[in-house]
Amino acid sequence: MSRIVVIDAEACIGCETCTRLCPEVFKMISEHKAGVYNPTGAPEEKIELAMDNCPVACITWED
């Protein structure tokens, strides 16, 4: 079973880092919140780059 990327919406500050680094997976869902719209849209390495650069560490893997 593969992992699915998720964003903790309550922790997200809307910095747009994930949407800039991995737009195939993340998009802004409101003015101040990002969301996952295509969890399998990019290789795990690219998703992890967005995870590693998130200033509030609100992006995680869910099994």
N, C-alpha and C. Protein backbone atom coordinates (compact mmCIF):
# COMPACT_ATOMS: atom_id res chain seq x y z
N MET A 1 0.84 -1.18 0.00
CA MET A 1 0.00 0.00 0.00
C MET A 1 0.88 1.25 0.00
N SER A 2 0.54 2.21 -0.83
CA SER A 2 1.35 3.42 -0.90
C SER A 2 0.88 4.47 0.10
N ARG A 3 1.76 5.40 0.34
CA ARG A 3 1.46 6.47 1.29
C ARG A 3 0.72 7.60 0.57
N ILE A 4 -0.10 8.30 1.33
CA ILE A 4 -0.85 9.44 0.82
C ILE A 4 -0.40 10.67 1.59
N VAL A 5 -0.15 11.75 0.89
CA VAL A 5 0.26 13.00 1.52
C VAL A 5 -0.97 13.75 2.01
N VAL A 6 -0.86 14.34 3.20
CA VAL A 6 -1.96 15.12 3.77
C VAL A 6 -1.40 16.42 4.37
N ILE A 7 -2.26 17.43 4.46
CA ILE A 7 -1.91 18.70 5.09
C ILE A 7 -2.84 18.89 6.29
N ASP A 8 -2.24 19.25 7.41
CA ASP A 8 -3.03 19.62 8.60
C ASP A 8 -3.54 21.04 8.36
N ALA A 9 -4.79 21.16 7.98
CA ALA A 9 -5.36 22.45 7.61
C ALA A 9 -5.34 23.46 8.75
N GLU A 10 -5.45 22.99 9.96
CA GLU A 10 -5.43 23.90 11.11
C GLU A 10 -4.04 24.49 11.33
N ALA A 11 -3.01 23.74 10.99
CA ALA A 11 -1.63 24.21 11.19
C ALA A 11 -1.11 25.04 10.01
N CYS A 12 -1.69 24.84 8.82
CA CYS A 12 -1.22 25.53 7.62
C CYS A 12 -1.37 27.05 7.78
N ILE A 13 -0.31 27.77 7.40
CA ILE A 13 -0.32 29.23 7.48
C ILE A 13 -0.46 29.88 6.10
N GLY A 14 -0.59 29.08 5.06
CA GLY A 14 -0.80 29.62 3.72
C GLY A 14 0.40 30.29 3.12
N CYS A 15 1.59 29.81 3.43
CA CYS A 15 2.82 30.44 2.92
C CYS A 15 3.05 30.18 1.43
N GLU A 16 2.37 29.18 0.88
CA GLU A 16 2.45 28.79 -0.53
C GLU A 16 3.74 28.09 -0.93
N THR A 17 4.57 27.72 0.02
CA THR A 17 5.82 27.03 -0.30
C THR A 17 5.53 25.72 -1.03
N CYS A 18 4.61 24.94 -0.51
CA CYS A 18 4.30 23.64 -1.13
C CYS A 18 3.75 23.81 -2.54
N THR A 19 2.92 24.83 -2.75
CA THR A 19 2.34 25.04 -4.07
C THR A 19 3.38 25.50 -5.09
N ARG A 20 4.41 26.18 -4.63
CA ARG A 20 5.49 26.61 -5.54
C ARG A 20 6.43 25.44 -5.85
N LEU A 21 6.72 24.61 -4.84
CA LEU A 21 7.68 23.52 -5.02
C LEU A 21 7.06 22.29 -5.69
N CYS A 22 5.77 22.08 -5.50
CA CYS A 22 5.13 20.88 -6.02
C CYS A 22 3.68 21.18 -6.44
N PRO A 23 3.51 22.01 -7.48
CA PRO A 23 2.16 22.39 -7.90
C PRO A 23 1.32 21.24 -8.46
N GLU A 24 1.97 20.13 -8.78
CA GLU A 24 1.24 18.97 -9.29
C GLU A 24 0.40 18.31 -8.20
N VAL A 25 0.73 18.58 -6.94
CA VAL A 25 0.08 17.94 -5.81
C VAL A 25 -0.70 18.92 -4.93
N PHE A 26 -0.13 20.11 -4.73
CA PHE A 26 -0.70 21.07 -3.79
C PHE A 26 -1.27 22.29 -4.51
N LYS A 27 -2.34 22.85 -3.94
CA LYS A 27 -2.88 24.11 -4.43
C LYS A 27 -3.50 24.86 -3.26
N MET A 28 -3.64 26.15 -3.44
CA MET A 28 -4.30 26.95 -2.42
C MET A 28 -5.80 26.68 -2.49
N ILE A 29 -6.39 26.36 -1.34
CA ILE A 29 -7.83 26.08 -1.31
C ILE A 29 -8.61 27.25 -0.74
N SER A 30 -7.92 28.17 -0.14
CA SER A 30 -8.50 29.43 0.31
C SER A 30 -7.36 30.45 0.35
N GLU A 31 -7.65 31.64 0.76
CA GLU A 31 -6.62 32.69 0.77
C GLU A 31 -5.45 32.35 1.68
N HIS A 32 -5.71 31.59 2.75
CA HIS A 32 -4.67 31.32 3.75
C HIS A 32 -4.45 29.84 4.03
N LYS A 33 -4.89 28.95 3.15
CA LYS A 33 -4.74 27.51 3.38
C LYS A 33 -4.41 26.80 2.08
N ALA A 34 -3.46 25.87 2.18
CA ALA A 34 -3.13 25.00 1.05
C ALA A 34 -3.80 23.66 1.27
N GLY A 35 -3.95 22.92 0.19
CA GLY A 35 -4.55 21.60 0.27
C GLY A 35 -3.94 20.67 -0.74
N VAL A 36 -4.22 19.39 -0.59
CA VAL A 36 -3.76 18.37 -1.52
C VAL A 36 -4.90 18.11 -2.50
N TYR A 37 -4.65 18.31 -3.77
CA TYR A 37 -5.69 18.04 -4.76
C TYR A 37 -5.34 16.85 -5.65
N ASN A 38 -4.09 16.44 -5.69
CA ASN A 38 -3.66 15.31 -6.52
C ASN A 38 -2.54 14.58 -5.79
N PRO A 39 -2.88 13.73 -4.81
CA PRO A 39 -1.86 13.12 -3.95
C PRO A 39 -0.84 12.24 -4.67
N THR A 40 -1.14 11.80 -5.87
CA THR A 40 -0.20 10.96 -6.61
C THR A 40 0.36 11.69 -7.83
N GLY A 41 0.31 13.02 -7.81
CA GLY A 41 0.69 13.80 -8.98
C GLY A 41 2.18 14.03 -9.18
N ALA A 42 2.99 13.63 -8.21
CA ALA A 42 4.44 13.85 -8.32
C ALA A 42 5.17 12.72 -7.59
N PRO A 43 6.44 12.53 -7.92
CA PRO A 43 7.22 11.51 -7.21
C PRO A 43 7.34 11.87 -5.72
N GLU A 44 7.47 10.85 -4.88
CA GLU A 44 7.58 11.07 -3.44
C GLU A 44 8.72 12.02 -3.09
N GLU A 45 9.81 11.97 -3.84
CA GLU A 45 10.95 12.85 -3.55
C GLU A 45 10.57 14.32 -3.70
N LYS A 46 9.77 14.64 -4.69
CA LYS A 46 9.34 16.02 -4.90
C LYS A 46 8.35 16.45 -3.81
N ILE A 47 7.47 15.55 -3.41
CA ILE A 47 6.54 15.84 -2.32
C ILE A 47 7.31 16.06 -1.03
N GLU A 48 8.32 15.24 -0.79
CA GLU A 48 9.12 15.38 0.42
C GLU A 48 9.91 16.68 0.44
N LEU A 49 10.28 17.21 -0.72
CA LEU A 49 10.92 18.51 -0.79
C LEU A 49 9.98 19.58 -0.23
N ALA A 50 8.72 19.51 -0.62
CA ALA A 50 7.72 20.45 -0.09
C ALA A 50 7.55 20.25 1.41
N MET A 51 7.52 18.99 1.84
CA MET A 51 7.40 18.69 3.28
C MET A 51 8.56 19.30 4.05
N ASP A 52 9.76 19.08 3.57
CA ASP A 52 10.97 19.55 4.26
C ASP A 52 11.06 21.07 4.32
N ASN A 53 10.44 21.75 3.37
CA ASN A 53 10.52 23.21 3.32
C ASN A 53 9.32 23.91 3.95
N CYS A 54 8.34 23.16 4.39
CA CYS A 54 7.17 23.75 5.04
C CYS A 54 7.60 24.35 6.39
N PRO A 55 7.39 25.65 6.59
CA PRO A 55 7.87 26.29 7.82
C PRO A 55 7.15 25.84 9.09
N VAL A 56 5.97 25.26 8.95
CA VAL A 56 5.23 24.80 10.14
C VAL A 56 5.09 23.28 10.18
N ALA A 57 5.74 22.59 9.25
CA ALA A 57 5.75 21.11 9.21
C ALA A 57 4.35 20.51 9.29
N CYS A 58 3.43 21.06 8.48
CA CYS A 58 2.05 20.57 8.52
C CYS A 58 1.74 19.55 7.42
N ILE A 59 2.74 19.16 6.64
CA ILE A 59 2.56 18.17 5.58
C ILE A 59 3.16 16.85 6.03
N THR A 60 2.36 15.79 5.99
CA THR A 60 2.82 14.48 6.45
C THR A 60 2.33 13.38 5.53
N TRP A 61 2.86 12.20 5.76
CA TRP A 61 2.40 10.99 5.07
C TRP A 61 1.38 10.27 5.92
N GLU A 62 0.37 9.75 5.27
CA GLU A 62 -0.63 8.91 5.94
C GLU A 62 -0.62 7.56 5.23
N ASP A 63 -0.54 6.49 6.00
CA ASP A 63 -0.53 5.14 5.39
C ASP A 63 -1.92 4.66 5.09
